[in-house]
């Protein structure tokens, strides 16, 4: 009887041990698989290769699912409710966070957040960090430093500074630009700025990118919101408080241009980029994406080492600390509703991708990202000069200007803004009339929503 009882006890213990082992194995297995829902179909194969290499190196499987173009939100809604939900997903900045905040884990203490060169770019709410940008673009005033050096070497220049890097505000920029216009023959240029492209369909640099600055500052003054985009989305009527600052830089562009301001309605972005590439102008407003345009212009005379960025100064108080306009629509979020093990494993994967040698090689050379992290050495960053400049500005300690134009109410608003700018340049509208059009267009487009 005792032998049979001992046998039963031992059998039960063995079975229990086996079950416990199976359970442990199942849990370990679960913790060793994470799920990344990818936003960009064009780089799906690269992420598949990344996942394969990561599993080989760490034993953690990364399931990569890529949503078809234009279906990411729909796919995320479908996948997030499943038992095997994405552990890593992407949000479209502050707007996307509002839709997915119930699922976004706080990443404030993550290594990935600590790697950010400009932490103001993260999506935050209160003291929490819920979205981390992983690729950025920037825009500002692109300048040819060879021409600038020529100007600063002049014995009769109107300023006491000795390099473009010393331009820190609008007042100094204005003095330099207007003096360069007086000396344009000596400098070998036909105008300081490339053409302000106000042709229909070519106005986006002014009604979107340049307009970003006054509204960034206006909405930054709205202390009810953590973020300028959310402040803009919550604003039914604008004051256009910084309209005069916009006018400052716009006037500087059109009054010191290669093209008479009354003829700007015929000019395109390509025209202005060609003017810069051929050495006919010293400056042009555009973003880091313009490098391919400059580089591909037949007869390009500008050396890579001479292509630099400066912020768009408009005369706002404290702008000496302003950086480039930097932004993205791509932010990583971690699903806060999955297990802690899976959250930690997901963070570890992203940290590996943006800090290990193999991961960084993928980011720079296969994904082609300007990654906003301090883990990248100079030889691991994108090779083109404007991408390098964006990263350099983000590391200066200046404050990047957020892409607030995501809050603009519609394309119609932007088009009315742009058309009014053309009429102003042509002398058909006063600046006060432009301001009225912009304010009314914002209110009427908001009323339609």
Protein backbone atom coordinates (compact mmCIF):
# COMPACT_ATOMS: atom_id res chain seq x y z
CA UNK A 1 0.00 0.00 0.00
CA UNK A 2 2.84 2.37 0.96
CA UNK A 3 4.69 1.48 -2.23
CA UNK A 4 1.57 2.21 -4.34
CA UNK A 5 1.03 5.53 -2.50
CA UNK A 6 4.69 6.51 -3.00
CA UNK A 7 4.36 5.57 -6.66
CA UNK A 8 1.28 7.81 -7.04
CA UNK A 9 3.01 10.71 -5.27
CA UNK A 10 6.11 10.36 -7.44
CA UNK A 11 4.05 10.11 -10.61
CA UNK A 12 2.10 13.21 -9.65
CA UNK A 13 5.30 15.09 -8.89
CA UNK A 14 6.82 14.08 -12.24
CA UNK A 15 3.70 15.11 -14.13
CA UNK A 16 3.58 18.42 -12.21
CA UNK A 17 7.23 19.04 -13.00
CA UNK A 18 6.64 18.28 -16.67
CA UNK A 19 3.63 20.60 -16.77
CA UNK A 20 5.57 23.33 -15.01
CA UNK A 21 8.37 22.86 -17.50
CA UNK A 22 5.93 23.12 -20.39
CA UNK A 23 4.37 26.21 -18.90
CA UNK A 24 7.76 27.80 -18.39
CA UNK A 25 8.73 26.93 -21.93
CA UNK A 26 5.51 28.40 -23.25
CA UNK A 27 6.02 31.62 -21.28
CA UNK A 28 9.64 31.89 -22.37
CA UNK A 29 8.61 31.28 -25.94
CA UNK A 30 5.96 33.96 -25.69
CA UNK A 31 8.47 36.41 -24.27
CA UNK A 32 10.84 35.54 -27.11
CA UNK A 33 8.47 36.72 -29.84
CA UNK A 34 7.48 40.31 -30.48
CA UNK A 35 5.29 41.76 -33.20
CA UNK A 36 6.14 44.85 -35.23
CA UNK A 37 3.41 46.37 -37.39
CA UNK A 38 5.24 48.26 -40.14
CA UNK A 39 3.90 51.43 -41.74
CA UNK A 40 5.97 51.59 -44.95
CA UNK A 41 5.53 48.87 -47.60
CA UNK A 42 8.55 50.11 -49.56
CA UNK A 43 10.93 49.04 -46.77
CA UNK A 44 9.18 45.83 -45.71
CA UNK A 45 11.93 43.59 -47.08
CA UNK A 46 14.57 45.49 -45.15
CA UNK A 47 12.64 44.99 -41.91
CA UNK A 48 12.32 41.27 -42.71
CA UNK A 49 16.12 41.08 -43.01
CA UNK A 50 16.54 43.03 -39.78
CA UNK A 51 14.19 40.62 -37.99
CA UNK A 52 16.10 37.59 -39.28
CA UNK A 53 19.45 39.00 -38.14
CA UNK A 54 18.05 40.01 -34.75
CA UNK A 55 16.65 36.53 -34.12
CA UNK A 56 19.96 34.96 -35.13
CA UNK A 57 21.82 37.23 -32.72
CA UNK A 58 19.45 37.22 -29.73
CA UNK A 59 17.07 34.30 -30.14
CA UNK A 60 14.09 36.68 -30.08
CA UNK A 61 11.73 36.34 -33.02
CA UNK A 62 10.39 39.57 -34.53
CA UNK A 63 7.17 39.04 -36.41
CA UNK A 64 6.95 41.77 -39.06
CA UNK A 65 3.59 42.53 -40.58
CA UNK A 66 3.37 45.34 -43.15
CA UNK A 67 0.11 47.16 -43.80
CA UNK A 68 -0.76 47.83 -47.43
CA UNK A 69 -0.27 51.43 -48.56
CA UNK A 70 -2.93 53.73 -47.15
CA UNK A 71 -4.38 51.09 -44.79
CA UNK A 72 -2.21 51.41 -41.68
CA UNK A 73 -4.86 52.82 -39.33
CA UNK A 74 -7.39 50.23 -40.48
CA UNK A 75 -4.89 47.41 -40.08
CA UNK A 76 -3.84 48.63 -36.64
CA UNK A 77 -7.46 48.78 -35.47
CA UNK A 78 -7.95 45.19 -36.60
CA UNK A 79 -4.68 43.83 -35.18
CA UNK A 80 -4.59 45.66 -31.84
CA UNK A 81 -7.71 43.87 -30.59
CA UNK A 82 -6.30 40.39 -31.24
CA UNK A 83 -4.77 38.20 -28.53
CA UNK A 84 -1.52 38.27 -30.52
CA UNK A 85 -1.51 42.07 -30.85
CA UNK A 86 1.34 44.22 -32.20
CA UNK A 87 3.88 44.99 -29.49
CA UNK A 88 5.47 47.78 -31.55
CA UNK A 89 3.38 50.08 -33.71
CA UNK A 90 3.59 53.55 -35.21
CA UNK A 91 1.65 56.72 -34.54
CA UNK A 92 1.36 59.91 -36.57
CA UNK A 93 2.63 62.30 -33.93
CA UNK A 94 0.37 64.06 -31.40
CA UNK A 95 -2.71 63.50 -33.55
CA UNK A 96 -2.06 59.77 -33.71
CA UNK A 97 -1.39 59.69 -29.99
CA UNK A 98 -4.86 61.07 -29.27
CA UNK A 99 -6.34 58.12 -31.18
CA UNK A 100 -4.08 55.46 -29.59
CA UNK A 101 -3.18 56.83 -26.16
CA UNK A 102 -4.91 53.93 -24.37
CA UNK A 103 -2.34 51.59 -25.94
CA UNK A 104 0.82 53.71 -25.72
CA UNK A 105 3.25 52.73 -22.95
CA UNK A 106 5.26 55.42 -21.19
CA UNK A 107 8.78 55.39 -22.66
CA UNK A 108 10.26 58.13 -20.49
CA UNK A 109 12.70 55.73 -18.79
CA UNK A 110 13.63 53.84 -21.95
CA UNK A 111 17.12 53.88 -23.43
CA UNK A 112 15.62 54.81 -26.80
CA UNK A 113 14.26 58.06 -25.37
CA UNK A 114 17.62 58.78 -23.70
CA UNK A 115 19.28 58.42 -27.11
CA UNK A 116 17.23 61.29 -28.65
CA UNK A 117 19.40 64.27 -29.55
CA UNK A 118 16.39 66.60 -29.32
CA UNK A 119 13.90 65.34 -26.77
CA UNK A 120 11.41 68.07 -27.65
CA UNK A 121 10.55 66.02 -30.74
CA UNK A 122 9.02 63.17 -28.72
CA UNK A 123 5.26 62.86 -28.29
CA UNK A 124 4.54 63.70 -24.67
CA UNK A 125 1.57 64.12 -22.38
CA UNK A 126 2.11 65.52 -18.90
CA UNK A 127 5.34 63.95 -17.64
CA UNK A 128 5.03 60.91 -19.89
CA UNK A 129 6.70 60.08 -23.24
CA UNK A 130 4.53 58.01 -25.55
CA UNK A 131 5.96 58.30 -29.05
CA UNK A 132 9.61 58.45 -30.13
CA UNK A 133 10.56 59.78 -33.59
CA UNK A 134 12.90 57.49 -35.48
CA UNK A 135 13.43 59.38 -38.72
CA UNK A 136 13.38 63.13 -39.19
CA UNK A 137 13.57 65.78 -41.88
CA UNK A 138 14.45 69.42 -41.50
CA UNK A 139 14.21 72.65 -43.41
CA UNK A 140 15.54 76.17 -43.13
CA UNK A 141 17.60 78.56 -45.25
CA UNK A 142 20.16 76.68 -47.33
CA UNK A 143 23.23 78.77 -48.09
CA UNK A 144 26.37 78.51 -50.19
CA UNK A 145 29.19 79.08 -47.73
CA UNK A 146 31.68 79.85 -50.52
CA UNK A 147 29.64 82.94 -51.44
CA UNK A 148 29.19 83.84 -47.78
CA UNK A 149 32.95 83.65 -47.15
CA UNK A 150 33.48 85.91 -50.15
CA UNK A 151 31.08 88.42 -48.63
CA UNK A 152 32.63 88.31 -45.16
CA UNK A 153 36.06 88.90 -46.73
CA UNK A 154 34.89 92.26 -48.14
CA UNK A 155 36.68 95.22 -46.57
CA UNK A 156 33.56 97.40 -46.71
CA UNK A 157 30.94 94.92 -45.43
CA UNK A 158 28.21 96.47 -43.28
CA UNK A 159 28.45 94.02 -40.36
CA UNK A 160 31.10 93.22 -37.76
CA UNK A 161 30.62 89.44 -37.80
CA UNK A 162 32.90 87.25 -39.90
CA UNK A 163 30.91 84.15 -40.84
CA UNK A 164 27.41 82.94 -41.66
CA UNK A 165 27.54 80.80 -38.51
CA UNK A 166 27.45 84.04 -36.49
CA UNK A 167 24.04 85.01 -37.87
CA UNK A 168 21.75 84.31 -34.91
CA UNK A 169 18.68 86.50 -35.49
CA UNK A 170 16.61 88.34 -38.07
CA UNK A 171 18.20 91.75 -37.56
CA UNK A 172 21.65 90.42 -38.39
CA UNK A 173 20.34 88.35 -41.29
CA UNK A 174 18.60 91.41 -42.76
CA UNK A 175 21.75 93.54 -42.55
CA UNK A 176 23.83 90.80 -44.20
CA UNK A 177 21.30 90.08 -46.97
CA UNK A 178 20.68 93.70 -47.90
CA UNK A 179 24.42 94.41 -47.93
CA UNK A 180 25.02 91.34 -50.09
CA UNK A 181 22.45 92.67 -52.55
CA UNK A 182 24.49 95.90 -52.82
CA UNK A 183 27.62 93.82 -53.45
CA UNK A 184 26.06 91.13 -55.66
CA UNK A 185 28.29 91.93 -58.67
CA UNK A 186 31.42 91.63 -56.55
CA UNK A 187 30.09 88.34 -55.15
CA UNK A 188 29.33 86.94 -58.60
CA UNK A 189 25.64 86.37 -57.90
CA UNK A 190 22.45 87.68 -59.54
CA UNK A 191 20.48 87.85 -56.32
CA UNK A 192 20.84 86.76 -52.72
CA UNK A 193 17.77 84.49 -52.64
CA UNK A 194 16.45 82.02 -55.17
CA UNK A 195 13.03 82.79 -56.64
CA UNK A 196 10.11 82.68 -54.22
CA UNK A 197 8.02 80.18 -56.19
CA UNK A 198 4.46 81.50 -56.20
CA UNK A 199 3.20 79.66 -59.27
CA UNK A 200 0.01 77.66 -58.61
CA UNK A 201 0.96 74.30 -57.09
CA UNK A 202 4.47 75.56 -56.22
CA UNK A 203 3.60 77.67 -53.17
CA UNK A 204 4.06 75.04 -50.46
CA UNK A 205 7.35 76.46 -49.21
CA UNK A 206 5.50 79.64 -48.16
CA UNK A 207 1.90 78.69 -47.33
CA UNK A 208 2.99 75.57 -45.44
CA UNK A 209 6.68 75.54 -44.50
CA UNK A 210 7.26 79.26 -43.90
CA UNK A 211 3.77 79.64 -42.41
CA UNK A 212 4.78 76.98 -39.88
CA UNK A 213 6.86 79.52 -37.95
CA UNK A 214 4.27 82.16 -36.98
CA UNK A 215 1.75 79.49 -36.04
CA UNK A 216 4.31 77.48 -34.09
CA UNK A 217 4.96 80.55 -31.95
CA UNK A 218 1.28 81.48 -31.69
CA UNK A 219 0.24 78.01 -30.57
CA UNK A 220 3.29 77.69 -28.31
CA UNK A 221 1.83 80.62 -26.37
CA UNK A 222 -1.31 78.55 -25.74
CA UNK A 223 -0.49 76.99 -22.38
CA UNK A 224 -3.58 74.77 -22.37
CA UNK A 225 -1.79 72.27 -24.62
CA UNK A 226 1.40 70.23 -24.35
CA UNK A 227 1.97 70.48 -28.05
CA UNK A 228 1.68 73.12 -30.80
CA UNK A 229 -0.10 70.73 -33.19
CA UNK A 230 -2.76 69.91 -30.61
CA UNK A 231 -3.09 73.60 -29.80
CA UNK A 232 -3.64 74.31 -33.49
CA UNK A 233 -6.19 71.55 -33.84
CA UNK A 234 -8.04 73.02 -30.87
CA UNK A 235 -8.08 76.55 -32.30
CA UNK A 236 -11.16 77.59 -34.28
CA UNK A 237 -10.02 81.18 -34.83
CA UNK A 238 -6.44 82.40 -35.11
CA UNK A 239 -5.02 85.78 -34.17
CA UNK A 240 -2.13 85.48 -36.65
CA UNK A 241 -0.23 87.05 -33.79
CA UNK A 242 3.14 86.76 -35.51
CA UNK A 243 2.00 88.01 -38.93
CA UNK A 244 4.54 90.84 -38.90
CA UNK A 245 7.32 88.34 -38.25
CA UNK A 246 6.19 86.35 -41.27
CA UNK A 247 6.19 89.58 -43.31
CA UNK A 248 9.75 90.32 -42.16
CA UNK A 249 11.27 87.25 -43.75
CA UNK A 250 8.91 87.09 -46.74
CA UNK A 251 9.79 90.69 -47.66
CA UNK A 252 13.47 89.89 -47.25
CA UNK A 253 13.08 87.00 -49.69
CA UNK A 254 11.17 88.85 -52.40
CA UNK A 255 13.10 92.14 -52.15
CA UNK A 256 16.52 90.50 -52.41
CA UNK A 257 15.73 87.88 -55.01
CA UNK A 258 17.14 86.97 -58.39
CA UNK A 259 13.63 87.53 -59.80
CA UNK A 260 11.53 90.70 -59.75
CA UNK A 261 8.75 90.17 -57.22
CA UNK A 262 6.04 90.95 -59.77
CA UNK A 263 7.20 87.95 -61.83
CA UNK A 264 7.24 85.37 -59.03
CA UNK A 265 3.88 83.91 -60.13
CA UNK A 266 5.71 82.16 -62.98
CA UNK A 267 8.41 80.56 -60.84
CA UNK A 268 8.63 76.96 -59.59
CA UNK A 269 10.61 75.23 -56.85
CA UNK A 270 12.81 73.63 -59.51
CA UNK A 271 13.67 77.11 -60.83
CA UNK A 272 14.90 78.27 -57.44
CA UNK A 273 16.89 75.11 -56.80
CA UNK A 274 18.58 75.41 -60.19
CA UNK A 275 19.43 79.04 -59.44
CA UNK A 276 21.15 77.91 -56.25
CA UNK A 277 22.92 74.92 -57.85
CA UNK A 278 24.33 77.06 -60.67
CA UNK A 279 25.78 79.56 -58.20
CA UNK A 280 23.49 82.42 -59.26
CA UNK A 281 22.16 82.95 -55.73
CA UNK A 282 23.59 82.52 -52.24
CA UNK A 283 20.51 81.29 -50.36
CA UNK A 284 17.26 79.39 -50.82
CA UNK A 285 14.63 78.10 -48.41
CA UNK A 286 14.08 74.35 -48.59
CA UNK A 287 14.63 71.08 -46.74
CA UNK A 288 17.24 68.34 -46.64
CA UNK A 289 15.39 66.56 -49.48
CA UNK A 290 16.65 69.37 -51.76
CA UNK A 291 20.12 67.80 -51.91
CA UNK A 292 19.06 65.41 -54.67
CA UNK A 293 17.68 68.35 -56.68
CA UNK A 294 20.85 70.41 -56.24
CA UNK A 295 23.10 67.46 -57.03
CA UNK A 296 21.21 66.52 -60.19
CA UNK A 297 21.21 69.99 -61.80
CA UNK A 298 23.33 69.91 -64.93
CA UNK A 299 26.27 72.27 -64.45
CA UNK A 300 25.98 72.30 -60.63
CA UNK A 301 28.72 74.55 -59.25
CA UNK A 302 28.14 74.26 -55.51
CA UNK A 303 30.57 72.07 -53.61
CA UNK A 304 29.11 69.64 -51.05
CA UNK A 305 31.32 71.10 -48.33
CA UNK A 306 29.82 74.57 -48.96
CA UNK A 307 26.17 73.57 -48.56
CA UNK A 308 24.94 74.66 -45.12
CA UNK A 309 21.72 75.37 -43.21
CA UNK A 310 20.67 78.26 -41.00
CA UNK A 311 17.33 78.65 -39.20
CA UNK A 312 14.58 80.83 -40.65
CA UNK A 313 14.83 83.92 -38.47
CA UNK A 314 11.79 86.21 -38.34
CA UNK A 315 12.48 88.56 -35.43
CA UNK A 316 10.74 86.62 -32.66
CA UNK A 317 12.09 87.32 -29.20
CA UNK A 318 14.63 84.71 -28.12
CA UNK A 319 15.17 83.32 -31.62
CA UNK A 320 18.93 83.17 -30.98
CA UNK A 321 18.11 79.76 -29.47
CA UNK A 322 15.96 78.63 -32.41
CA UNK A 323 17.05 75.75 -34.58
CA UNK A 324 15.78 74.38 -37.89
CA UNK A 325 12.20 73.33 -38.50
CA UNK A 326 12.47 69.61 -37.76
CA UNK A 327 9.72 67.06 -37.82
CA UNK A 328 8.40 63.71 -38.84
CA UNK A 329 5.19 61.76 -39.16
CA UNK A 330 6.85 58.58 -37.93
CA UNK A 331 6.93 57.69 -34.23
CA UNK A 332 7.42 54.34 -32.50
CA UNK A 333 5.03 53.37 -29.73
CA UNK A 334 5.06 50.29 -27.49
CA UNK A 335 1.78 48.52 -26.76
CA UNK A 336 1.18 49.04 -23.05
CA UNK A 337 -1.48 46.34 -22.96
CA UNK A 338 0.85 43.41 -23.70
CA UNK A 339 2.89 41.73 -20.95
CA UNK A 340 5.81 43.54 -19.35
CA UNK A 341 8.11 40.88 -20.80
CA UNK A 342 6.94 41.67 -24.32
CA UNK A 343 7.16 45.41 -23.71
CA UNK A 344 10.74 45.02 -22.47
CA UNK A 345 11.63 42.73 -25.38
CA UNK A 346 10.15 45.27 -27.82
CA UNK A 347 12.16 48.11 -26.31
CA UNK A 348 15.30 45.97 -26.45
CA UNK A 349 14.77 45.35 -30.18
CA UNK A 350 14.40 49.07 -30.97
CA UNK A 351 17.40 49.90 -28.79
CA UNK A 352 19.45 47.29 -30.67
CA UNK A 353 18.31 48.68 -34.03
CA UNK A 354 19.46 52.20 -33.18
CA UNK A 355 22.57 51.48 -31.12
CA UNK A 356 24.27 48.28 -32.34
CA UNK A 357 26.70 48.37 -35.25
CA UNK A 358 24.58 46.01 -37.32
CA UNK A 359 21.35 47.84 -36.52
CA UNK A 360 22.79 51.27 -37.31
CA UNK A 361 24.16 49.99 -40.61
CA UNK A 362 20.63 48.92 -41.55
CA UNK A 363 19.19 52.29 -40.46
CA UNK A 364 21.62 54.44 -42.43
CA UNK A 365 22.44 52.34 -45.48
CA UNK A 366 19.34 50.22 -46.05
CA UNK A 367 16.46 52.18 -44.55
CA UNK A 368 18.07 55.52 -45.46
CA UNK A 369 16.92 57.29 -42.29
CA UNK A 370 18.17 60.49 -40.69
CA UNK A 371 17.92 58.96 -37.24
CA UNK A 372 17.70 61.55 -34.44
CA UNK A 373 19.80 59.58 -31.95
CA UNK A 374 23.18 60.30 -30.34
CA UNK A 375 24.28 56.69 -30.81
CA UNK A 376 25.32 57.36 -34.42
CA UNK A 377 28.95 58.37 -35.00
CA UNK A 378 29.84 60.71 -37.86
CA UNK A 379 30.76 57.85 -40.17
CA UNK A 380 27.42 56.14 -39.42
CA UNK A 381 25.24 59.08 -40.46
CA UNK A 382 23.78 59.83 -43.92
CA UNK A 383 26.40 61.05 -46.35
CA UNK A 384 24.57 63.93 -48.00
CA UNK A 385 25.47 67.42 -46.76
CA UNK A 386 21.98 68.62 -45.86
CA UNK A 387 21.17 65.51 -43.83
CA UNK A 388 24.44 66.09 -41.95
CA UNK A 389 23.41 69.67 -41.31
CA UNK A 390 20.02 68.65 -39.89
CA UNK A 391 21.74 66.31 -37.44
CA UNK A 392 24.35 68.92 -36.56
CA UNK A 393 21.68 71.51 -35.77
CA UNK A 394 19.77 69.03 -33.63
CA UNK A 395 22.93 68.50 -31.58
CA UNK A 396 23.68 72.22 -31.01
CA UNK A 397 21.37 72.63 -28.03
CA UNK A 398 19.02 74.93 -29.93
CA UNK A 399 15.27 74.29 -29.94
CA UNK A 400 13.95 72.78 -33.16
CA UNK A 401 10.74 74.31 -34.48
CA UNK A 402 8.04 71.60 -34.51
CA UNK A 403 6.14 70.86 -37.71
CA UNK A 404 2.99 72.64 -36.62
CA UNK A 405 1.54 72.78 -40.14
CA UNK A 406 0.02 69.37 -39.39
CA UNK A 407 -2.67 71.43 -37.62
CA UNK A 408 -3.56 73.56 -40.66
CA UNK A 409 -7.27 73.06 -41.34
CA UNK A 410 -7.19 72.19 -45.06
CA UNK A 411 -5.49 72.49 -48.43
CA UNK A 412 -7.97 75.24 -49.25
CA UNK A 413 -6.67 77.29 -46.32
CA UNK A 414 -3.11 76.91 -47.59
CA UNK A 415 -4.10 77.75 -51.16
CA UNK A 416 -5.89 80.93 -50.10
CA UNK A 417 -2.82 81.89 -48.08
CA UNK A 418 -0.50 81.26 -51.05
CA UNK A 419 -2.68 83.10 -53.56
CA UNK A 420 -2.80 86.13 -51.26
CA UNK A 421 1.00 86.10 -50.99
CA UNK A 422 1.25 86.24 -54.77
CA UNK A 423 -1.14 89.20 -54.92
CA UNK A 424 0.87 90.92 -52.19
CA UNK A 425 4.14 90.37 -54.11
CA UNK A 426 2.51 91.77 -57.24
CA UNK A 427 1.27 94.85 -55.38
CA UNK A 428 -2.40 93.88 -55.70
CA UNK A 429 -2.99 93.37 -51.97
CA UNK A 430 -1.77 95.14 -48.86
CA UNK A 431 -0.27 93.11 -46.02
CA UNK A 432 -3.28 93.88 -43.85
CA UNK A 433 -5.49 92.34 -46.53
CA UNK A 434 -3.33 89.22 -46.58
CA UNK A 435 -3.68 88.91 -42.80
CA UNK A 436 -7.46 89.21 -43.09
CA UNK A 437 -7.62 86.52 -45.78
CA UNK A 438 -5.54 84.12 -43.68
CA UNK A 439 -7.59 84.64 -40.52
CA UNK A 440 -10.91 84.31 -42.36
CA UNK A 441 -9.77 81.24 -44.30
CA UNK A 442 -8.76 79.47 -41.07
CA UNK A 443 -12.12 80.24 -39.43
CA UNK A 444 -14.20 79.23 -42.47
CA UNK A 445 -12.30 75.97 -43.05
CA UNK A 446 -12.55 75.08 -39.36
CA UNK A 447 -16.30 75.75 -39.46
CA UNK A 448 -16.66 73.09 -42.18
CA UNK A 449 -15.28 70.34 -39.94
